[in-house]
Amino acid sequence: TLGIPSRAVMGVILSEDFSGEKDVFVYHMWVEALTNGRWILVDATRPQDFHPNRYIALAYHNLMTEMPIDYLRAVSAIQEMKITFIK
């Protein structure tokens, strides 16, 4: 490893176009890396459309242990969540 502290993040992102719908929040996972004392968002799946202000983190996991219950609860809660994007 490179020795850079990192964590998995589960949440939602605002997508301009997803399955034919415009401006919707969709479930997503990404990584954050600790650099110079700050957690920096890293998302290899969306390099062409990277806007950090479109991400809403709901749960974190350090990947050093088994999945915590809170993390799994957040995953199931997303199914019930409604977010409205107001331009």
C-alpha atoms as a PDB file:
ATOM      1  CA  THR A   1       0.000   0.000   0.000  1.00  0.00           C
ATOM      2  CA  LEU A   2       0.965   3.638  -0.304  1.00  0.00           C
ATOM      3  CA  GLY A   3       0.088   4.318   3.318  1.00  0.00           C
ATOM      4  CA  ILE A   4      -2.578   6.916   2.496  1.00  0.00           C
ATOM      5  CA  PRO A   5      -5.515   6.655   4.920  1.00  0.00           C
ATOM      6  CA  SER A   6      -8.745   6.125   3.027  1.00  0.00           C
ATOM      7  CA  ARG A   7     -12.365   5.283   3.647  1.00  0.00           C
ATOM      8  CA  ALA A   8     -15.332   4.078   1.648  1.00  0.00           C
ATOM      9  CA  VAL A   9     -18.272   6.450   1.442  1.00  0.00           C
ATOM     10  CA  MET A  10     -21.854   5.500   0.699  1.00  0.00           C
ATOM     11  CA  GLY A  11     -24.361   8.130  -0.303  1.00  0.00           C
ATOM     12  CA  VAL A  12     -26.066   9.767  -3.232  1.00  0.00           C
ATOM     13  CA  ILE A  13     -24.956  12.013  -6.053  1.00  0.00           C
ATOM     14  CA  LEU A  14     -26.890  14.403  -8.220  1.00  0.00           C
ATOM     15  CA  SER A  15     -26.933  13.053 -11.755  1.00  0.00           C
ATOM     16  CA  GLU A  16     -27.804  15.352 -14.636  1.00  0.00           C
ATOM     17  CA  ASP A  17     -29.167  12.405 -16.611  1.00  0.00           C
ATOM     18  CA  PHE A  18     -29.928   8.939 -15.264  1.00  0.00           C
ATOM     19  CA  SER A  19     -32.149   6.379 -16.991  1.00  0.00           C
ATOM     20  CA  GLY A  20     -33.865   9.110 -18.962  1.00  0.00           C
ATOM     21  CA  GLU A  21     -34.562  11.301 -15.931  1.00  0.00           C
ATOM     22  CA  LYS A  22     -32.956  14.700 -15.449  1.00  0.00           C
ATOM     23  CA  ASP A  23     -31.422  16.054 -12.234  1.00  0.00           C
ATOM     24  CA  VAL A  24     -32.033  13.067  -9.965  1.00  0.00           C
ATOM     25  CA  PHE A  25     -30.148  11.758  -6.952  1.00  0.00           C
ATOM     26  CA  VAL A  26     -28.847   8.223  -7.356  1.00  0.00           C
ATOM     27  CA  TYR A  27     -27.183   5.774  -4.964  1.00  0.00           C
ATOM     28  CA  HIS A  28     -23.396   5.773  -5.274  1.00  0.00           C
ATOM     29  CA  MET A  29     -20.207   4.773  -3.480  1.00  0.00           C
ATOM     30  CA  TRP A  30     -16.848   6.484  -3.668  1.00  0.00           C
ATOM     31  CA  VAL A  31     -13.594   6.818  -1.740  1.00  0.00           C
ATOM     32  CA  GLU A  32     -12.084   9.602   0.324  1.00  0.00           C
ATOM     33  CA  ALA A  33      -8.349   9.879   0.988  1.00  0.00           C
ATOM     34  CA  LEU A  34      -6.784  11.792   3.873  1.00  0.00           C
ATOM     35  CA  THR A  35      -4.343  14.315   2.435  1.00  0.00           C
ATOM     36  CA  ASN A  36      -2.766  17.150   4.425  1.00  0.00           C
ATOM     37  CA  GLY A  37      -5.317  16.660   7.204  1.00  0.00           C
ATOM     38  CA  ARG A  38      -8.363  16.856   4.897  1.00  0.00           C
ATOM     39  CA  TRP A  39     -10.556  14.142   3.422  1.00  0.00           C
ATOM     40  CA  ILE A  40     -10.448  14.461  -0.371  1.00  0.00           C
ATOM     41  CA  LEU A  41     -13.200  12.928  -2.511  1.00  0.00           C
ATOM     42  CA  VAL A  42     -11.912  10.457  -5.113  1.00  0.00           C
ATOM     43  CA  ASP A  43     -14.346   8.962  -7.619  1.00  0.00           C
ATOM     44  CA  ALA A  44     -12.782   6.974 -10.438  1.00  0.00           C
ATOM     45  CA  THR A  45     -16.183   6.188 -11.952  1.00  0.00           C
ATOM     46  CA  ARG A  46     -17.052   9.802 -12.838  1.00  0.00           C
ATOM     47  CA  PRO A  47     -13.830  11.560 -13.918  1.00  0.00           C
ATOM     48  CA  GLN A  48     -15.505  13.397 -16.804  1.00  0.00           C
ATOM     49  CA  ASP A  49     -18.326  14.735 -14.618  1.00  0.00           C
ATOM     50  CA  PHE A  50     -16.655  15.467 -11.289  1.00  0.00           C
ATOM     51  CA  HIS A  51     -18.427  18.075  -9.146  1.00  0.00           C
ATOM     52  CA  PRO A  52     -17.791  17.539  -5.400  1.00  0.00           C
ATOM     53  CA  ASN A  53     -20.815  19.652  -4.464  1.00  0.00           C
ATOM     54  CA  ARG A  54     -23.116  17.012  -6.019  1.00  0.00           C
ATOM     55  CA  TYR A  55     -22.171  14.337  -3.479  1.00  0.00           C
ATOM     56  CA  ILE A  56     -24.081  13.694  -0.248  1.00  0.00           C
ATOM     57  CA  ALA A  57     -22.337  11.285   2.125  1.00  0.00           C
ATOM     58  CA  LEU A  58     -24.595   9.168   4.321  1.00  0.00           C
ATOM     59  CA  ALA A  59     -22.177   6.650   5.839  1.00  0.00           C
ATOM     60  CA  TYR A  60     -18.444   5.963   6.043  1.00  0.00           C
ATOM     61  CA  HIS A  61     -16.425   2.801   6.457  1.00  0.00           C
ATOM     62  CA  ASN A  62     -12.678   2.489   7.040  1.00  0.00           C
ATOM     63  CA  LEU A  63     -12.443  -0.883   5.235  1.00  0.00           C
ATOM     64  CA  MET A  64     -10.261  -2.217   8.050  1.00  0.00           C
ATOM     65  CA  THR A  65     -13.091  -4.134   9.745  1.00  0.00           C
ATOM     66  CA  GLU A  66     -16.274  -5.896   8.796  1.00  0.00           C
ATOM     67  CA  MET A  67     -19.185  -3.733   7.700  1.00  0.00           C
ATOM     68  CA  PRO A  68     -20.664  -1.899  10.699  1.00  0.00           C
ATOM     69  CA  ILE A  69     -24.402  -2.095  11.311  1.00  0.00           C
ATOM     70  CA  ASP A  70     -24.807   1.700  10.908  1.00  0.00           C
ATOM     71  CA  TYR A  71     -23.335   1.488   7.416  1.00  0.00           C
ATOM     72  CA  LEU A  72     -25.746  -1.266   6.422  1.00  0.00           C
ATOM     73  CA  ARG A  73     -28.692   0.631   7.928  1.00  0.00           C
ATOM     74  CA  ALA A  74     -27.792   3.658   5.813  1.00  0.00           C
ATOM     75  CA  VAL A  75     -27.840   1.504   2.692  1.00  0.00           C
ATOM     76  CA  SER A  76     -31.362   0.295   3.433  1.00  0.00           C
ATOM     77  CA  ALA A  77     -32.547   3.804   4.414  1.00  0.00           C
ATOM     78  CA  ILE A  78     -31.726   5.141   0.955  1.00  0.00           C
ATOM     79  CA  GLN A  79     -34.635   3.171  -0.468  1.00  0.00           C
ATOM     80  CA  GLU A  80     -37.037   5.260   1.633  1.00  0.00           C
ATOM     81  CA  MET A  81     -35.323   8.624   1.150  1.00  0.00           C
ATOM     82  CA  LYS A  82     -36.673  11.374  -1.069  1.00  0.00           C
ATOM     83  CA  ILE A  83     -34.478  14.296  -2.111  1.00  0.00           C
ATOM     84  CA  THR A  84     -35.692  17.207  -4.171  1.00  0.00           C
ATOM     85  CA  PHE A  85     -33.273  19.203  -6.289  1.00  0.00           C
ATOM     86  CA  ILE A  86     -34.271  22.868  -6.511  1.00  0.00           C
ATOM     87  CA  LYS A  87     -32.512  24.956  -9.132  1.00  0.00           C
END
